[in-house]
Amino acid sequence: MYYVVYGLLYVVSLLPLRLLFLISDLAYFILYYLVGYRKDVVMGNLEIAFPEKSLEERKKIAKGFYLNFTDTFIETIKMISIRPKELARRGKCDVEHLNDLIAKGRNIHIMAGHQFNWEFANLMYARLLNIPFVGIYMPVNNKIFDRIFLKSRSRYGTIMVSAWDFKNKMHTIFNEQYILALAADQNPGVPNKAFWLKFFGKPAPFVTGPGKGAVKNNTAVVYVGFQKIKRGHYSFKAVPLVDNGADYTAEELTVLYKNALEEAIRRDPSNYLWSHRRWRHEWQEGYSPIIN
């Protein structure tokens, strides 16, 4: 069954993106107007993040999000067969600071967020950087699609490691110079062990691993922000946070990351994954103190 599904998706991926975006337009119409996929979550999140905006302004952001969401799904299919020349044409990838750190022999932790299109960013950075580029991912429940996504994400050299296997494999990874890319805005499974920061003014839990790892391994920490220039075209910018993680606490590094992410979202609100239940957990007594 894997080969049947993969073969069908591969054939679809050969179509030009301008045609594939017609499918995205249809999917957008269905998700937003007919199904209302997680619309209550999206609108609730936008009300938390942008209370100063009118309902109509938030609806406009939501519509932009849904189109970006379906575009990303289509672009993820395109990744199955996309050629290096087309990939390079579709992304402006800032690697100057990363190459400077690589030349100095530094290990690097990239902290990114769920901005569109993080899947393209993975391929582009792995292709351009000349040391192992490691990505941490959450396996999907469907084994066939998990295998397909893993194959497409690894096409240009990314070493994909399941979040469940990372602890067992990290010692092997850390034996040589590396770049580790993390989506550090994941919702922690255990909120009482999270860092609690004010995200858009409301307390939200943040995973502790990215910050703790950077401190323990004394890595450079870089935030990478994503900007959608137009459909199918992106700009990825590396923003230095710190050169030596061990000079900071894990909490301080997480705050620096959170501030950079929030600033990027405010610049382009529709380019963030608002269907994610980011404020699902409420802070309680006994949790770590809330950090502004």
C-alpha atoms as a PDB file:
ATOM      1  CA  MET A   1       0.000   0.000   0.000  1.00  0.00           C
ATOM      2  CA  TYR A   2       2.913   2.353   0.736  1.00  0.00           C
ATOM      3  CA  TYR A   3       4.154   2.162  -2.853  1.00  0.00           C
ATOM      4  CA  VAL A   4       0.659   2.786  -4.233  1.00  0.00           C
ATOM      5  CA  VAL A   5       0.136   5.902  -2.100  1.00  0.00           C
ATOM      6  CA  TYR A   6       3.686   7.138  -2.668  1.00  0.00           C
ATOM      7  CA  GLY A   7       3.368   6.579  -6.420  1.00  0.00           C
ATOM      8  CA  LEU A   8       0.122   8.534  -6.617  1.00  0.00           C
ATOM      9  CA  LEU A   9       1.518  11.436  -4.597  1.00  0.00           C
ATOM     10  CA  TYR A  10       4.717  11.412  -6.653  1.00  0.00           C
ATOM     11  CA  VAL A  11       2.730  11.761  -9.875  1.00  0.00           C
ATOM     12  CA  VAL A  12       0.706  14.621  -8.367  1.00  0.00           C
ATOM     13  CA  SER A  13       3.921  16.298  -7.166  1.00  0.00           C
ATOM     14  CA  LEU A  14       5.182  16.490 -10.758  1.00  0.00           C
ATOM     15  CA  LEU A  15       2.468  19.013 -11.611  1.00  0.00           C
ATOM     16  CA  PRO A  16       3.529  22.688 -11.614  1.00  0.00           C
ATOM     17  CA  LEU A  17       2.747  24.511  -8.394  1.00  0.00           C
ATOM     18  CA  ARG A  18       0.532  26.977 -10.254  1.00  0.00           C
ATOM     19  CA  LEU A  19      -1.796  24.043 -10.992  1.00  0.00           C
ATOM     20  CA  LEU A  20      -1.426  22.501  -7.555  1.00  0.00           C
ATOM     21  CA  PHE A  21      -2.476  25.805  -6.009  1.00  0.00           C
ATOM     22  CA  LEU A  22      -5.881  25.341  -7.656  1.00  0.00           C
ATOM     23  CA  ILE A  23      -6.273  22.319  -5.373  1.00  0.00           C
ATOM     24  CA  SER A  24      -5.169  24.511  -2.477  1.00  0.00           C
ATOM     25  CA  ASP A  25      -7.830  27.091  -3.372  1.00  0.00           C
ATOM     26  CA  LEU A  26     -10.497  24.396  -3.289  1.00  0.00           C
ATOM     27  CA  ALA A  27      -9.188  22.973  -0.008  1.00  0.00           C
ATOM     28  CA  TYR A  28      -9.176  26.478   1.497  1.00  0.00           C
ATOM     29  CA  PHE A  29     -12.817  27.008   0.511  1.00  0.00           C
ATOM     30  CA  ILE A  30     -13.821  23.664   2.012  1.00  0.00           C
ATOM     31  CA  LEU A  31     -11.861  24.093   5.259  1.00  0.00           C
ATOM     32  CA  TYR A  32     -12.867  27.687   5.934  1.00  0.00           C
ATOM     33  CA  TYR A  33     -16.372  28.033   4.527  1.00  0.00           C
ATOM     34  CA  LEU A  34     -17.822  24.509   4.601  1.00  0.00           C
ATOM     35  CA  VAL A  35     -16.100  22.504   7.340  1.00  0.00           C
ATOM     36  CA  GLY A  36     -14.880  25.329   9.560  1.00  0.00           C
ATOM     37  CA  TYR A  37     -11.802  23.286  10.499  1.00  0.00           C
ATOM     38  CA  ARG A  38     -10.814  24.326  14.038  1.00  0.00           C
ATOM     39  CA  LYS A  39     -12.284  27.754  13.364  1.00  0.00           C
ATOM     40  CA  ASP A  40     -13.177  28.186  17.034  1.00  0.00           C
ATOM     41  CA  VAL A  41      -9.551  27.492  17.992  1.00  0.00           C
ATOM     42  CA  VAL A  42      -8.192  29.836  15.330  1.00  0.00           C
ATOM     43  CA  MET A  43     -10.514  32.714  16.201  1.00  0.00           C
ATOM     44  CA  GLY A  44      -9.981  32.162  19.935  1.00  0.00           C
ATOM     45  CA  ASN A  45      -6.209  32.274  19.510  1.00  0.00           C
ATOM     46  CA  LEU A  46      -6.414  35.429  17.411  1.00  0.00           C
ATOM     47  CA  GLU A  47      -8.588  37.107  20.031  1.00  0.00           C
ATOM     48  CA  ILE A  48      -5.949  36.340  22.663  1.00  0.00           C
ATOM     49  CA  ALA A  49      -3.060  37.503  20.482  1.00  0.00           C
ATOM     50  CA  PHE A  50      -4.710  40.581  18.968  1.00  0.00           C
ATOM     51  CA  PRO A  51      -7.412  41.895  21.319  1.00  0.00           C
ATOM     52  CA  GLU A  52      -6.890  45.378  19.893  1.00  0.00           C
ATOM     53  CA  LYS A  53      -8.012  44.281  16.430  1.00  0.00           C
ATOM     54  CA  SER A  54     -11.630  44.244  15.315  1.00  0.00           C
ATOM     55  CA  LEU A  55     -13.480  41.021  14.567  1.00  0.00           C
ATOM     56  CA  GLU A  56     -13.276  41.762  10.843  1.00  0.00           C
ATOM     57  CA  GLU A  57      -9.517  42.270  11.066  1.00  0.00           C
ATOM     58  CA  ARG A  58      -9.120  38.952  12.878  1.00  0.00           C
ATOM     59  CA  LYS A  59     -11.303  37.216  10.279  1.00  0.00           C
ATOM     60  CA  LYS A  60      -9.031  38.580   7.555  1.00  0.00           C
ATOM     61  CA  ILE A  61      -5.999  37.148   9.352  1.00  0.00           C
ATOM     62  CA  ALA A  62      -7.820  33.830   9.756  1.00  0.00           C
ATOM     63  CA  LYS A  63      -8.608  33.634   6.041  1.00  0.00           C
ATOM     64  CA  GLY A  64      -4.957  34.317   5.249  1.00  0.00           C
ATOM     65  CA  PHE A  65      -3.944  31.578   7.668  1.00  0.00           C
ATOM     66  CA  TYR A  66      -6.250  28.993   6.097  1.00  0.00           C
ATOM     67  CA  LEU A  67      -4.896  29.713   2.611  1.00  0.00           C
ATOM     68  CA  ASN A  68      -1.308  29.515   3.880  1.00  0.00           C
ATOM     69  CA  PHE A  69      -2.212  26.270   5.645  1.00  0.00           C
ATOM     70  CA  THR A  70      -3.570  24.615   2.496  1.00  0.00           C
ATOM     71  CA  ASP A  71      -0.696  26.020   0.405  1.00  0.00           C
ATOM     72  CA  THR A  72       1.746  24.382   2.807  1.00  0.00           C
ATOM     73  CA  PHE A  73      -0.034  21.049   2.444  1.00  0.00           C
ATOM     74  CA  ILE A  74       0.276  21.293  -1.346  1.00  0.00           C
ATOM     75  CA  GLU A  75       3.902  22.433  -1.137  1.00  0.00           C
ATOM     76  CA  THR A  76       4.652  19.467   1.128  1.00  0.00           C
ATOM     77  CA  ILE A  77       3.419  17.159  -1.631  1.00  0.00           C
ATOM     78  CA  LYS A  78       5.567  19.084  -4.136  1.00  0.00           C
ATOM     79  CA  MET A  79       8.590  18.383  -1.916  1.00  0.00           C
ATOM     80  CA  ILE A  80       8.411  14.716  -2.920  1.00  0.00           C
ATOM     81  CA  SER A  81       9.891  15.482  -6.346  1.00  0.00           C
ATOM     82  CA  ILE A  82      11.058  19.109  -6.308  1.00  0.00           C
ATOM     83  CA  ARG A  83      14.393  19.631  -8.064  1.00  0.00           C
ATOM     84  CA  PRO A  84      17.303  21.631  -6.585  1.00  0.00           C
ATOM     85  CA  LYS A  85      16.990  24.416  -9.162  1.00  0.00           C
ATOM     86  CA  GLU A  86      13.302  24.984  -8.455  1.00  0.00           C
ATOM     87  CA  LEU A  87      13.837  24.726  -4.705  1.00  0.00           C
ATOM     88  CA  ALA A  88      16.537  27.419  -4.873  1.00  0.00           C
ATOM     89  CA  ARG A  89      14.248  29.650  -6.948  1.00  0.00           C
ATOM     90  CA  ARG A  90      11.485  29.451  -4.356  1.00  0.00           C
ATOM     91  CA  GLY A  91      13.453  30.466  -1.284  1.00  0.00           C
ATOM     92  CA  LYS A  92      15.835  33.205  -0.224  1.00  0.00           C
ATOM     93  CA  CYS A  93      17.816  31.495   2.492  1.00  0.00           C
ATOM     94  CA  ASP A  94      20.020  33.558   4.811  1.00  0.00           C
ATOM     95  CA  VAL A  95      23.052  31.429   5.739  1.00  0.00           C
ATOM     96  CA  GLU A  96      25.795  34.034   6.303  1.00  0.00           C
ATOM     97  CA  HIS A  97      25.681  33.990  10.110  1.00  0.00           C
ATOM     98  CA  LEU A  98      25.319  30.216  10.187  1.00  0.00           C
ATOM     99  CA  ASN A  99      28.349  29.775   7.916  1.00  0.00           C
ATOM    100  CA  ASP A 100      30.375  32.114  10.152  1.00  0.00           C
ATOM    101  CA  LEU A 101      29.537  29.942  13.160  1.00  0.00           C
ATOM    102  CA  ILE A 102      30.341  26.778  11.211  1.00  0.00           C
ATOM    103  CA  ALA A 103      33.741  28.203  10.221  1.00  0.00           C
ATOM    104  CA  LYS A 104      34.452  28.813  13.916  1.00  0.00           C
ATOM    105  CA  GLY A 105      33.701  25.175  14.682  1.00  0.00           C
ATOM    106  CA  ARG A 106      30.554  25.954  16.660  1.00  0.00           C
ATOM    107  CA  ASN A 107      27.575  23.691  17.094  1.00  0.00           C
ATOM    108  CA  ILE A 108      24.282  25.458  16.450  1.00  0.00           C
ATOM    109  CA  HIS A 109      20.772  25.090  17.788  1.00  0.00           C
ATOM    110  CA  ILE A 110      18.168  26.662  15.521  1.00  0.00           C
ATOM    111  CA  MET A 111      14.945  27.584  17.280  1.00  0.00           C
ATOM    112  CA  ALA A 112      12.100  28.155  14.866  1.00  0.00           C
ATOM    113  CA  GLY A 113       8.328  28.311  15.122  1.00  0.00           C
ATOM    114  CA  HIS A 114       5.394  26.922  13.206  1.00  0.00           C
ATOM    115  CA  GLN A 115       5.505  29.548  10.505  1.00  0.00           C
ATOM    116  CA  PHE A 116       4.876  28.693   6.869  1.00  0.00           C
ATOM    117  CA  ASN A 117       6.557  26.979   5.244  1.00  0.00           C
ATOM    118  CA  TRP A 118       8.791  25.224   7.759  1.00  0.00           C
ATOM    119  CA  GLU A 119       8.957  22.163   5.479  1.00  0.00           C
ATOM    120  CA  PHE A 120      10.595  24.163   2.660  1.00  0.00           C
ATOM    121  CA  ALA A 121      12.987  25.736   5.169  1.00  0.00           C
ATOM    122  CA  ASN A 122      14.188  22.296   6.237  1.00  0.00           C
ATOM    123  CA  LEU A 123      15.061  21.297   2.660  1.00  0.00           C
ATOM    124  CA  MET A 124      16.711  24.607   1.814  1.00  0.00           C
ATOM    125  CA  TYR A 125      18.968  24.824   4.860  1.00  0.00           C
ATOM    126  CA  ALA A 126      19.986  21.164   4.642  1.00  0.00           C
ATOM    127  CA  ARG A 127      20.961  21.677   1.011  1.00  0.00           C
ATOM    128  CA  LEU A 128      23.024  24.827   1.631  1.00  0.00           C
ATOM    129  CA  LEU A 129      24.904  23.981   4.835  1.00  0.00           C
ATOM    130  CA  ASN A 130      27.928  21.709   4.833  1.00  0.00           C
ATOM    131  CA  ILE A 131      27.666  20.070   8.262  1.00  0.00           C
ATOM    132  CA  PRO A 132      25.041  17.567   9.476  1.00  0.00           C
ATOM    133  CA  PHE A 133      21.623  19.223   9.670  1.00  0.00           C
ATOM    134  CA  VAL A 134      19.426  17.428  12.196  1.00  0.00           C
ATOM    135  CA  GLY A 135      15.674  17.873  12.398  1.00  0.00           C
ATOM    136  CA  ILE A 136      13.460  16.645  15.218  1.00  0.00           C
ATOM    137  CA  TYR A 137       9.987  15.561  14.176  1.00  0.00           C
ATOM    138  CA  MET A 138       6.827  14.127  15.681  1.00  0.00           C
ATOM    139  CA  PRO A 139       5.793  10.931  13.860  1.00  0.00           C
ATOM    140  CA  VAL A 140       2.281  10.920  12.418  1.00  0.00           C
ATOM    141  CA  ASN A 141      -0.068   8.120  13.389  1.00  0.00           C
ATOM    142  CA  ASN A 142      -0.520   6.812   9.850  1.00  0.00           C
ATOM    143  CA  LYS A 143       2.583   4.717   9.160  1.00  0.00           C
ATOM    144  CA  ILE A 144       2.318   5.097   5.388  1.00  0.00           C
ATOM    145  CA  PHE A 145       2.244   8.898   5.459  1.00  0.00           C
ATOM    146  CA  ASP A 146       4.876   8.991   8.196  1.00  0.00           C
ATOM    147  CA  ARG A 147       7.220   7.040   5.915  1.00  0.00           C
ATOM    148  CA  ILE A 148       6.425   9.284   2.936  1.00  0.00           C
ATOM    149  CA  PHE A 149       7.001  12.498   4.915  1.00  0.00           C
ATOM    150  CA  LEU A 150      10.237  11.129   6.361  1.00  0.00           C
ATOM    151  CA  LYS A 151      11.518  10.308   2.878  1.00  0.00           C
ATOM    152  CA  SER A 152      10.650  13.724   1.432  1.00  0.00           C
ATOM    153  CA  ARG A 153      12.052  15.631   4.412  1.00  0.00           C
ATOM    154  CA  SER A 154      15.359  13.768   4.108  1.00  0.00           C
ATOM    155  CA  ARG A 155      15.837  14.276   0.347  1.00  0.00           C
ATOM    156  CA  TYR A 156      18.501  16.964   0.667  1.00  0.00           C
ATOM    157  CA  GLY A 157      20.418  15.472   3.561  1.00  0.00           C
ATOM    158  CA  THR A 158      18.446  16.341   6.683  1.00  0.00           C
ATOM    159  CA  ILE A 159      18.985  13.758   9.407  1.00  0.00           C
ATOM    160  CA  MET A 160      15.451  13.306  10.703  1.00  0.00           C
ATOM    161  CA  VAL A 161      15.178  12.001  14.261  1.00  0.00           C
ATOM    162  CA  SER A 162      11.907  11.117  15.944  1.00  0.00           C
ATOM    163  CA  ALA A 163      11.245  13.047  19.143  1.00  0.00           C
ATOM    164  CA  TRP A 164      10.725   9.675  20.827  1.00  0.00           C
ATOM    165  CA  ASP A 165      14.187   8.430  19.755  1.00  0.00           C
ATOM    166  CA  PHE A 166      16.138  11.637  20.301  1.00  0.00           C
ATOM    167  CA  LYS A 167      17.415  10.819  23.800  1.00  0.00           C
ATOM    168  CA  ASN A 168      18.804   7.503  22.583  1.00  0.00           C
ATOM    169  CA  LYS A 169      20.441   8.983  19.496  1.00  0.00           C
ATOM    170  CA  MET A 170      21.646  12.387  20.698  1.00  0.00           C
ATOM    171  CA  HIS A 171      25.039  11.123  21.884  1.00  0.00           C
ATOM    172  CA  THR A 172      25.788   9.851  18.381  1.00  0.00           C
ATOM    173  CA  ILE A 173      24.585  13.114  16.844  1.00  0.00           C
ATOM    174  CA  PHE A 174      26.657  15.256  19.192  1.00  0.00           C
ATOM    175  CA  ASN A 175      29.901  13.408  18.408  1.00  0.00           C
ATOM    176  CA  GLU A 176      30.582  15.727  15.458  1.00  0.00           C
ATOM    177  CA  GLN A 177      29.840  19.319  14.531  1.00  0.00           C
ATOM    178  CA  TYR A 178      26.128  19.714  13.869  1.00  0.00           C
ATOM    179  CA  ILE A 179      23.130  21.978  13.449  1.00  0.00           C
ATOM    180  CA  LEU A 180      19.999  20.979  15.334  1.00  0.00           C
ATOM    181  CA  ALA A 181      16.717  22.500  14.129  1.00  0.00           C
ATOM    182  CA  LEU A 182      13.811  22.621  16.561  1.00  0.00           C
ATOM    183  CA  ALA A 183      10.254  23.909  16.456  1.00  0.00           C
ATOM    184  CA  ALA A 184      10.470  25.300  19.976  1.00  0.00           C
ATOM    185  CA  ASP A 185       6.850  26.460  20.210  1.00  0.00           C
ATOM    186  CA  GLN A 186       5.440  22.957  20.670  1.00  0.00           C
ATOM    187  CA  ASN A 187       2.817  22.599  23.383  1.00  0.00           C
ATOM    188  CA  PRO A 188       4.446  20.600  26.226  1.00  0.00           C
ATOM    189  CA  GLY A 189       2.766  17.354  27.146  1.00  0.00           C
ATOM    190  CA  VAL A 190       3.480  17.931  30.845  1.00  0.00           C
ATOM    191  CA  PRO A 191       2.676  21.592  31.620  1.00  0.00           C
ATOM    192  CA  ASN A 192       3.833  21.410  35.239  1.00  0.00           C
ATOM    193  CA  LYS A 193       7.397  20.796  33.991  1.00  0.00           C
ATOM    194  CA  ALA A 194       7.352  23.550  31.370  1.00  0.00           C
ATOM    195  CA  PHE A 195       8.686  27.083  31.368  1.00  0.00           C
ATOM    196  CA  TRP A 196       5.744  29.483  31.644  1.00  0.00           C
ATOM    197  CA  LEU A 197       6.140  32.688  29.640  1.00  0.00           C
ATOM    198  CA  LYS A 198       3.752  35.446  28.668  1.00  0.00           C
ATOM    199  CA  PHE A 199       3.126  34.850  24.974  1.00  0.00           C
ATOM    200  CA  PHE A 200       1.132  37.722  23.480  1.00  0.00           C
ATOM    201  CA  GLY A 201       0.382  38.768  27.048  1.00  0.00           C
ATOM    202  CA  LYS A 202      -1.152  35.450  28.166  1.00  0.00           C
ATOM    203  CA  PRO A 203       0.798  32.769  30.093  1.00  0.00           C
ATOM    204  CA  ALA A 204       1.689  29.807  27.887  1.00  0.00           C
ATOM    205  CA  PRO A 205       3.898  26.766  28.527  1.00  0.00           C
ATOM    206  CA  PHE A 206       7.114  26.306  26.540  1.00  0.00           C
ATOM    207  CA  VAL A 207       9.147  23.136  26.242  1.00  0.00           C
ATOM    208  CA  THR A 208      12.361  23.207  28.256  1.00  0.00           C
ATOM    209  CA  GLY A 209      14.493  20.934  26.070  1.00  0.00           C
ATOM    210  CA  PRO A 210      15.730  23.460  23.486  1.00  0.00           C
ATOM    211  CA  GLY A 211      17.011  25.882  26.107  1.00  0.00           C
ATOM    212  CA  LYS A 212      18.469  23.204  28.371  1.00  0.00           C
ATOM    213  CA  GLY A 213      20.213  21.526  25.449  1.00  0.00           C
ATOM    214  CA  ALA A 214      21.832  24.771  24.330  1.00  0.00           C
ATOM    215  CA  VAL A 215      23.101  25.452  27.864  1.00  0.00           C
ATOM    216  CA  LYS A 216      24.377  21.914  28.424  1.00  0.00           C
ATOM    217  CA  ASN A 217      26.202  21.734  25.080  1.00  0.00           C
ATOM    218  CA  ASN A 218      27.201  25.424  25.015  1.00  0.00           C
ATOM    219  CA  THR A 219      25.895  25.855  21.496  1.00  0.00           C
ATOM    220  CA  ALA A 220      25.223  28.997  19.553  1.00  0.00           C
ATOM    221  CA  VAL A 221      21.488  29.710  19.413  1.00  0.00           C
ATOM    222  CA  VAL A 222      19.872  31.154  16.311  1.00  0.00           C
ATOM    223  CA  TYR A 223      16.259  32.032  15.615  1.00  0.00           C
ATOM    224  CA  VAL A 224      15.123  31.483  12.029  1.00  0.00           C
ATOM    225  CA  GLY A 225      12.092  33.457  10.919  1.00  0.00           C
ATOM    226  CA  PHE A 226       9.985  32.710   7.854  1.00  0.00           C
ATOM    227  CA  GLN A 227       8.346  35.231   5.561  1.00  0.00           C
ATOM    228  CA  LYS A 228       6.002  34.381   2.696  1.00  0.00           C
ATOM    229  CA  ILE A 229       6.886  36.678  -0.203  1.00  0.00           C
ATOM    230  CA  LYS A 230       4.141  35.328  -2.457  1.00  0.00           C
ATOM    231  CA  ARG A 231       2.568  31.947  -3.115  1.00  0.00           C
ATOM    232  CA  GLY A 232       5.292  29.335  -3.309  1.00  0.00           C
ATOM    233  CA  HIS A 233       8.084  31.803  -2.512  1.00  0.00           C
ATOM    234  CA  TYR A 234       9.667  32.383   0.898  1.00  0.00           C
ATOM    235  CA  SER A 235      12.422  34.245   2.680  1.00  0.00           C
ATOM    236  CA  PHE A 236      14.193  32.629   5.624  1.00  0.00           C
ATOM    237  CA  LYS A 237      16.283  34.846   7.900  1.00  0.00           C
ATOM    238  CA  ALA A 238      18.689  33.689  10.599  1.00  0.00           C
ATOM    239  CA  VAL A 239      18.666  35.975  13.653  1.00  0.00           C
ATOM    240  CA  PRO A 240      21.538  35.492  16.155  1.00  0.00           C
ATOM    241  CA  LEU A 241      20.321  35.078  19.733  1.00  0.00           C
ATOM    242  CA  VAL A 242      23.494  34.050  21.603  1.00  0.00           C
ATOM    243  CA  ASP A 243      26.922  32.689  20.663  1.00  0.00           C
ATOM    244  CA  ASN A 244      27.481  30.730  23.881  1.00  0.00           C
ATOM    245  CA  GLY A 245      24.464  29.021  25.382  1.00  0.00           C
ATOM    246  CA  ALA A 246      26.297  28.186  28.605  1.00  0.00           C
ATOM    247  CA  ASP A 247      26.491  31.895  29.462  1.00  0.00           C
ATOM    248  CA  TYR A 248      22.705  31.944  29.942  1.00  0.00           C
ATOM    249  CA  THR A 249      20.024  30.002  31.733  1.00  0.00           C
ATOM    250  CA  ALA A 250      17.610  27.826  29.780  1.00  0.00           C
ATOM    251  CA  GLU A 251      14.817  30.186  30.809  1.00  0.00           C
ATOM    252  CA  GLU A 252      16.687  33.216  29.443  1.00  0.00           C
ATOM    253  CA  LEU A 253      17.258  31.502  26.101  1.00  0.00           C
ATOM    254  CA  THR A 254      13.594  30.537  25.882  1.00  0.00           C
ATOM    255  CA  VAL A 255      12.563  34.153  26.543  1.00  0.00           C
ATOM    256  CA  LEU A 256      14.882  35.390  23.773  1.00  0.00           C
ATOM    257  CA  TYR A 257      13.353  32.866  21.404  1.00  0.00           C
ATOM    258  CA  LYS A 258       9.799  33.704  22.448  1.00  0.00           C
ATOM    259  CA  ASN A 259      10.390  37.424  21.898  1.00  0.00           C
ATOM    260  CA  ALA A 260      11.828  36.831  18.414  1.00  0.00           C
ATOM    261  CA  LEU A 261       8.938  34.552  17.457  1.00  0.00           C
ATOM    262  CA  GLU A 262       6.280  36.938  18.735  1.00  0.00           C
ATOM    263  CA  GLU A 263       7.855  39.850  16.869  1.00  0.00           C
ATOM    264  CA  ALA A 264       7.868  37.817  13.642  1.00  0.00           C
ATOM    265  CA  ILE A 265       4.231  36.796  14.084  1.00  0.00           C
ATOM    266  CA  ARG A 266       3.168  40.402  14.680  1.00  0.00           C
ATOM    267  CA  ARG A 267       4.820  41.396  11.395  1.00  0.00           C
ATOM    268  CA  ASP A 268       2.915  38.731   9.450  1.00  0.00           C
ATOM    269  CA  PRO A 269       0.062  37.321  11.559  1.00  0.00           C
ATOM    270  CA  SER A 270      -1.481  35.050   8.923  1.00  0.00           C
ATOM    271  CA  ASN A 271       1.763  33.121   8.439  1.00  0.00           C
ATOM    272  CA  TYR A 272       1.533  31.304  11.794  1.00  0.00           C
ATOM    273  CA  LEU A 273      -0.177  28.018  12.685  1.00  0.00           C
ATOM    274  CA  TRP A 274      -3.189  29.411  14.544  1.00  0.00           C
ATOM    275  CA  SER A 275      -5.019  26.068  14.549  1.00  0.00           C
ATOM    276  CA  HIS A 276      -2.544  24.892  17.198  1.00  0.00           C
ATOM    277  CA  ARG A 277      -4.066  24.987  20.714  1.00  0.00           C
ATOM    278  CA  ARG A 278      -1.222  27.121  22.048  1.00  0.00           C
ATOM    279  CA  TRP A 279      -3.064  28.302  25.172  1.00  0.00           C
ATOM    280  CA  ARG A 280      -4.775  24.993  25.916  1.00  0.00           C
ATOM    281  CA  HIS A 281      -3.164  24.724  29.350  1.00  0.00           C
ATOM    282  CA  GLU A 282      -3.782  27.239  32.120  1.00  0.00           C
ATOM    283  CA  TRP A 283      -1.102  28.119  34.653  1.00  0.00           C
ATOM    284  CA  GLN A 284      -1.714  26.663  38.137  1.00  0.00           C
ATOM    285  CA  GLU A 285      -0.184  26.996  41.579  1.00  0.00           C
ATOM    286  CA  GLY A 286       2.855  24.767  41.824  1.00  0.00           C
ATOM    287  CA  TYR A 287       3.940  25.349  38.227  1.00  0.00           C
ATOM    288  CA  SER A 288       7.150  27.260  37.524  1.00  0.00           C
ATOM    289  CA  PRO A 289       6.779  31.041  37.977  1.00  0.00           C
ATOM    290  CA  ILE A 290       5.458  33.008  35.016  1.00  0.00           C
ATOM    291  CA  ILE A 291       8.182  34.924  33.187  1.00  0.00           C
ATOM    292  CA  ASN A 292       7.335  38.083  31.245  1.00  0.00           C
END
